[in-house]
Amino acid sequence: MTAMVLDASSLLLLIKSRGPEAANALKDAATVPLAGYEVGNALRTSVQVHHEMAPDTAETTLGNIHTCLKYMKIVDQSSLQAMTETLRTSLKHGLTYYDAAYLAVALSLGAPLITDDRHLAEAARRAGIQTADMASLTA
């Protein structure tokens, strides 16, 4: 059984705080195939735009993300039915299609959504999905 669905923001925060040891905490967690790309883009932004991270640190973090993703359930959303459900979720809750993908998976699995995105968390709560942020899970 899937214990929780993590979005890219919470996955990145978990890796930054725990490093590769985070993999153990994610064995019953799920995410969407897009998560790795979203994390990669956030790392690029941290390096090139905000100058918060060195390129080698970003590469190490990406390696840790890759390790964690191997332990997680990556929910296939390539079917027309899944894509349509994501679009409906996006339109119903005023979310980007990307964010709606996480909520659609949480809804389909009946699992809580872990996100540090306030707008996504509010939409999930309105949809009847339990939410938590990474700070509340690691406290």
C-alpha atoms as a PDB file:
ATOM      1  CA  MET A   1       0.000   0.000   0.000  1.00  0.00           C
ATOM      2  CA  THR A   2       1.180   3.503  -0.803  1.00  0.00           C
ATOM      3  CA  ALA A   3       1.581   5.531   2.364  1.00  0.00           C
ATOM      4  CA  MET A   4       1.954   8.948   0.712  1.00  0.00           C
ATOM      5  CA  VAL A   5       2.465  10.850  -2.523  1.00  0.00           C
ATOM      6  CA  LEU A   6       5.333  13.335  -2.642  1.00  0.00           C
ATOM      7  CA  ASP A   7       5.589  16.231  -5.031  1.00  0.00           C
ATOM      8  CA  ALA A   8       8.907  17.544  -6.319  1.00  0.00           C
ATOM      9  CA  SER A   9       9.175  20.335  -3.735  1.00  0.00           C
ATOM     10  CA  SER A  10       8.872  17.972  -0.788  1.00  0.00           C
ATOM     11  CA  LEU A  11      11.126  15.383  -2.393  1.00  0.00           C
ATOM     12  CA  LEU A  12      13.869  17.963  -2.897  1.00  0.00           C
ATOM     13  CA  LEU A  13      13.546  19.260   0.674  1.00  0.00           C
ATOM     14  CA  LEU A  14      13.741  15.717   2.038  1.00  0.00           C
ATOM     15  CA  ILE A  15      16.886  14.975   0.054  1.00  0.00           C
ATOM     16  CA  LYS A  16      18.497  18.249   1.084  1.00  0.00           C
ATOM     17  CA  SER A  17      17.857  17.472   4.747  1.00  0.00           C
ATOM     18  CA  ARG A  18      18.605  13.725   4.814  1.00  0.00           C
ATOM     19  CA  GLY A  19      20.707  12.996   1.746  1.00  0.00           C
ATOM     20  CA  PRO A  20      20.729   9.421   0.449  1.00  0.00           C
ATOM     21  CA  GLU A  21      19.377   8.109   3.770  1.00  0.00           C
ATOM     22  CA  ALA A  22      16.007   9.507   2.692  1.00  0.00           C
ATOM     23  CA  ALA A  23      15.525   6.451   0.489  1.00  0.00           C
ATOM     24  CA  ASN A  24      14.468   4.364   3.497  1.00  0.00           C
ATOM     25  CA  ALA A  25      11.673   6.810   4.311  1.00  0.00           C
ATOM     26  CA  LEU A  26      10.343   6.609   0.754  1.00  0.00           C
ATOM     27  CA  LYS A  27       9.841   2.868   0.321  1.00  0.00           C
ATOM     28  CA  ASP A  28       6.060   3.204   0.644  1.00  0.00           C
ATOM     29  CA  ALA A  29       5.854   6.548  -1.150  1.00  0.00           C
ATOM     30  CA  ALA A  30       4.744   7.393  -4.666  1.00  0.00           C
ATOM     31  CA  THR A  31       5.282  10.217  -7.097  1.00  0.00           C
ATOM     32  CA  VAL A  32       4.805  11.016 -10.775  1.00  0.00           C
ATOM     33  CA  PRO A  33       7.340  10.507 -13.582  1.00  0.00           C
ATOM     34  CA  LEU A  34       7.666  14.275 -13.896  1.00  0.00           C
ATOM     35  CA  ALA A  35       9.137  14.644 -10.388  1.00  0.00           C
ATOM     36  CA  GLY A  36      12.716  13.975 -11.445  1.00  0.00           C
ATOM     37  CA  TYR A  37      12.504  16.638 -14.138  1.00  0.00           C
ATOM     38  CA  GLU A  38      10.960  19.176 -11.798  1.00  0.00           C
ATOM     39  CA  VAL A  39      13.695  18.562  -9.238  1.00  0.00           C
ATOM     40  CA  GLY A  40      16.334  18.848 -11.957  1.00  0.00           C
ATOM     41  CA  ASN A  41      14.909  22.202 -13.006  1.00  0.00           C
ATOM     42  CA  ALA A  42      14.836  23.418  -9.393  1.00  0.00           C
ATOM     43  CA  LEU A  43      18.491  22.449  -9.035  1.00  0.00           C
ATOM     44  CA  ARG A  44      19.378  24.293 -12.245  1.00  0.00           C
ATOM     45  CA  THR A  45      17.581  27.368 -10.940  1.00  0.00           C
ATOM     46  CA  SER A  46      19.411  27.109  -7.610  1.00  0.00           C
ATOM     47  CA  VAL A  47      22.747  27.055  -9.444  1.00  0.00           C
ATOM     48  CA  GLN A  48      22.229  29.480 -12.323  1.00  0.00           C
ATOM     49  CA  VAL A  49      19.552  31.906 -11.184  1.00  0.00           C
ATOM     50  CA  HIS A  50      19.764  32.149  -7.398  1.00  0.00           C
ATOM     51  CA  HIS A  51      23.436  31.157  -7.051  1.00  0.00           C
ATOM     52  CA  GLU A  52      22.511  29.179  -3.916  1.00  0.00           C
ATOM     53  CA  MET A  53      24.266  25.974  -4.879  1.00  0.00           C
ATOM     54  CA  ALA A  54      27.461  24.917  -6.599  1.00  0.00           C
ATOM     55  CA  PRO A  55      27.112  22.746  -9.718  1.00  0.00           C
ATOM     56  CA  ASP A  56      28.821  19.775  -8.043  1.00  0.00           C
ATOM     57  CA  THR A  57      26.408  20.006  -5.097  1.00  0.00           C
ATOM     58  CA  ALA A  58      23.499  20.040  -7.550  1.00  0.00           C
ATOM     59  CA  GLU A  59      24.871  16.928  -9.242  1.00  0.00           C
ATOM     60  CA  THR A  60      25.267  15.146  -5.906  1.00  0.00           C
ATOM     61  CA  THR A  61      21.722  16.116  -4.941  1.00  0.00           C
ATOM     62  CA  LEU A  62      20.420  14.865  -8.280  1.00  0.00           C
ATOM     63  CA  GLY A  63      22.201  11.556  -7.688  1.00  0.00           C
ATOM     64  CA  ASN A  64      20.504  11.270  -4.299  1.00  0.00           C
ATOM     65  CA  ILE A  65      17.139  12.038  -5.919  1.00  0.00           C
ATOM     66  CA  HIS A  66      17.779   9.317  -8.492  1.00  0.00           C
ATOM     67  CA  THR A  67      18.528   6.818  -5.722  1.00  0.00           C
ATOM     68  CA  CYS A  68      15.331   7.726  -3.884  1.00  0.00           C
ATOM     69  CA  LEU A  69      13.197   7.527  -7.015  1.00  0.00           C
ATOM     70  CA  LYS A  70      14.356   3.925  -7.485  1.00  0.00           C
ATOM     71  CA  TYR A  71      12.725   3.057  -4.139  1.00  0.00           C
ATOM     72  CA  MET A  72       9.489   4.916  -4.808  1.00  0.00           C
ATOM     73  CA  LYS A  73       6.442   3.857  -6.770  1.00  0.00           C
ATOM     74  CA  ILE A  74       6.439   5.950  -9.944  1.00  0.00           C
ATOM     75  CA  VAL A  75       2.804   6.066 -11.017  1.00  0.00           C
ATOM     76  CA  ASP A  76       2.397   5.747 -14.783  1.00  0.00           C
ATOM     77  CA  GLN A  77       0.160   8.508 -16.065  1.00  0.00           C
ATOM     78  CA  SER A  78       0.604   7.912 -19.768  1.00  0.00           C
ATOM     79  CA  SER A  79      -2.807   6.389 -20.432  1.00  0.00           C
ATOM     80  CA  LEU A  80      -5.466   8.620 -21.946  1.00  0.00           C
ATOM     81  CA  GLN A  81      -7.651   7.951 -18.903  1.00  0.00           C
ATOM     82  CA  ALA A  82      -4.951   9.129 -16.477  1.00  0.00           C
ATOM     83  CA  MET A  83      -4.095  12.145 -18.617  1.00  0.00           C
ATOM     84  CA  THR A  84      -7.766  13.093 -18.863  1.00  0.00           C
ATOM     85  CA  GLU A  85      -8.208  12.743 -15.107  1.00  0.00           C
ATOM     86  CA  THR A  86      -5.198  15.002 -14.564  1.00  0.00           C
ATOM     87  CA  LEU A  87      -6.690  17.596 -16.923  1.00  0.00           C
ATOM     88  CA  ARG A  88     -10.037  17.435 -15.103  1.00  0.00           C
ATOM     89  CA  THR A  89      -8.254  17.816 -11.760  1.00  0.00           C
ATOM     90  CA  SER A  90      -6.317  20.785 -13.129  1.00  0.00           C
ATOM     91  CA  LEU A  91      -9.438  22.533 -14.379  1.00  0.00           C
ATOM     92  CA  LYS A  92     -11.517  21.765 -11.294  1.00  0.00           C
ATOM     93  CA  HIS A  93      -8.921  23.000  -8.808  1.00  0.00           C
ATOM     94  CA  GLY A  94      -7.207  25.775 -10.761  1.00  0.00           C
ATOM     95  CA  LEU A  95      -3.848  24.003 -10.773  1.00  0.00           C
ATOM     96  CA  THR A  96      -1.188  23.724 -13.422  1.00  0.00           C
ATOM     97  CA  TYR A  97      -1.356  20.411 -15.214  1.00  0.00           C
ATOM     98  CA  TYR A  98       1.970  19.515 -13.580  1.00  0.00           C
ATOM     99  CA  ASP A  99       0.691  20.104 -10.036  1.00  0.00           C
ATOM    100  CA  ALA A 100      -2.619  18.441 -10.828  1.00  0.00           C
ATOM    101  CA  ALA A 101      -0.702  15.267 -11.696  1.00  0.00           C
ATOM    102  CA  TYR A 102       0.363  14.885  -8.047  1.00  0.00           C
ATOM    103  CA  LEU A 103      -3.168  15.513  -6.791  1.00  0.00           C
ATOM    104  CA  ALA A 104      -4.681  13.113  -9.332  1.00  0.00           C
ATOM    105  CA  VAL A 105      -2.314  10.370  -8.154  1.00  0.00           C
ATOM    106  CA  ALA A 106      -3.111  11.070  -4.493  1.00  0.00           C
ATOM    107  CA  LEU A 107      -6.819  10.877  -5.306  1.00  0.00           C
ATOM    108  CA  SER A 108      -6.460   7.637  -7.268  1.00  0.00           C
ATOM    109  CA  LEU A 109      -4.397   5.994  -4.514  1.00  0.00           C
ATOM    110  CA  GLY A 110      -6.351   7.456  -1.602  1.00  0.00           C
ATOM    111  CA  ALA A 111      -3.036   8.571  -0.140  1.00  0.00           C
ATOM    112  CA  PRO A 112      -2.016  11.803   1.595  1.00  0.00           C
ATOM    113  CA  LEU A 113      -0.125  14.375  -0.453  1.00  0.00           C
ATOM    114  CA  ILE A 114       3.155  15.710   0.890  1.00  0.00           C
ATOM    115  CA  THR A 115       3.857  19.141  -0.574  1.00  0.00           C
ATOM    116  CA  ASP A 116       5.400  22.441   0.381  1.00  0.00           C
ATOM    117  CA  ASP A 117       3.352  24.194  -2.306  1.00  0.00           C
ATOM    118  CA  ARG A 118       0.555  26.045  -0.490  1.00  0.00           C
ATOM    119  CA  HIS A 119      -1.706  26.328  -3.518  1.00  0.00           C
ATOM    120  CA  LEU A 120      -1.439  22.601  -4.217  1.00  0.00           C
ATOM    121  CA  ALA A 121      -1.985  21.748  -0.543  1.00  0.00           C
ATOM    122  CA  GLU A 122      -5.122  23.915  -0.412  1.00  0.00           C
ATOM    123  CA  ALA A 123      -6.498  22.260  -3.549  1.00  0.00           C
ATOM    124  CA  ALA A 124      -5.772  18.816  -2.106  1.00  0.00           C
ATOM    125  CA  ARG A 125      -7.580  19.638   1.135  1.00  0.00           C
ATOM    126  CA  ARG A 126     -10.574  20.912  -0.838  1.00  0.00           C
ATOM    127  CA  ALA A 127     -10.542  17.592  -2.715  1.00  0.00           C
ATOM    128  CA  GLY A 128     -10.612  15.678   0.575  1.00  0.00           C
ATOM    129  CA  ILE A 129      -6.966  14.606   0.530  1.00  0.00           C
ATOM    130  CA  GLN A 130      -4.884  14.811   3.696  1.00  0.00           C
ATOM    131  CA  THR A 131      -1.795  16.955   3.305  1.00  0.00           C
ATOM    132  CA  ALA A 132       1.426  17.595   5.151  1.00  0.00           C
ATOM    133  CA  ASP A 133       4.530  19.602   4.453  1.00  0.00           C
ATOM    134  CA  MET A 134       8.053  18.323   4.796  1.00  0.00           C
ATOM    135  CA  ALA A 135       8.716  20.298   7.995  1.00  0.00           C
ATOM    136  CA  SER A 136       5.844  18.542   9.770  1.00  0.00           C
ATOM    137  CA  LEU A 137       7.108  15.127   8.667  1.00  0.00           C
ATOM    138  CA  THR A 138      10.710  15.648   9.687  1.00  0.00           C
ATOM    139  CA  ALA A 139       9.997  17.404  12.992  1.00  0.00           C
END
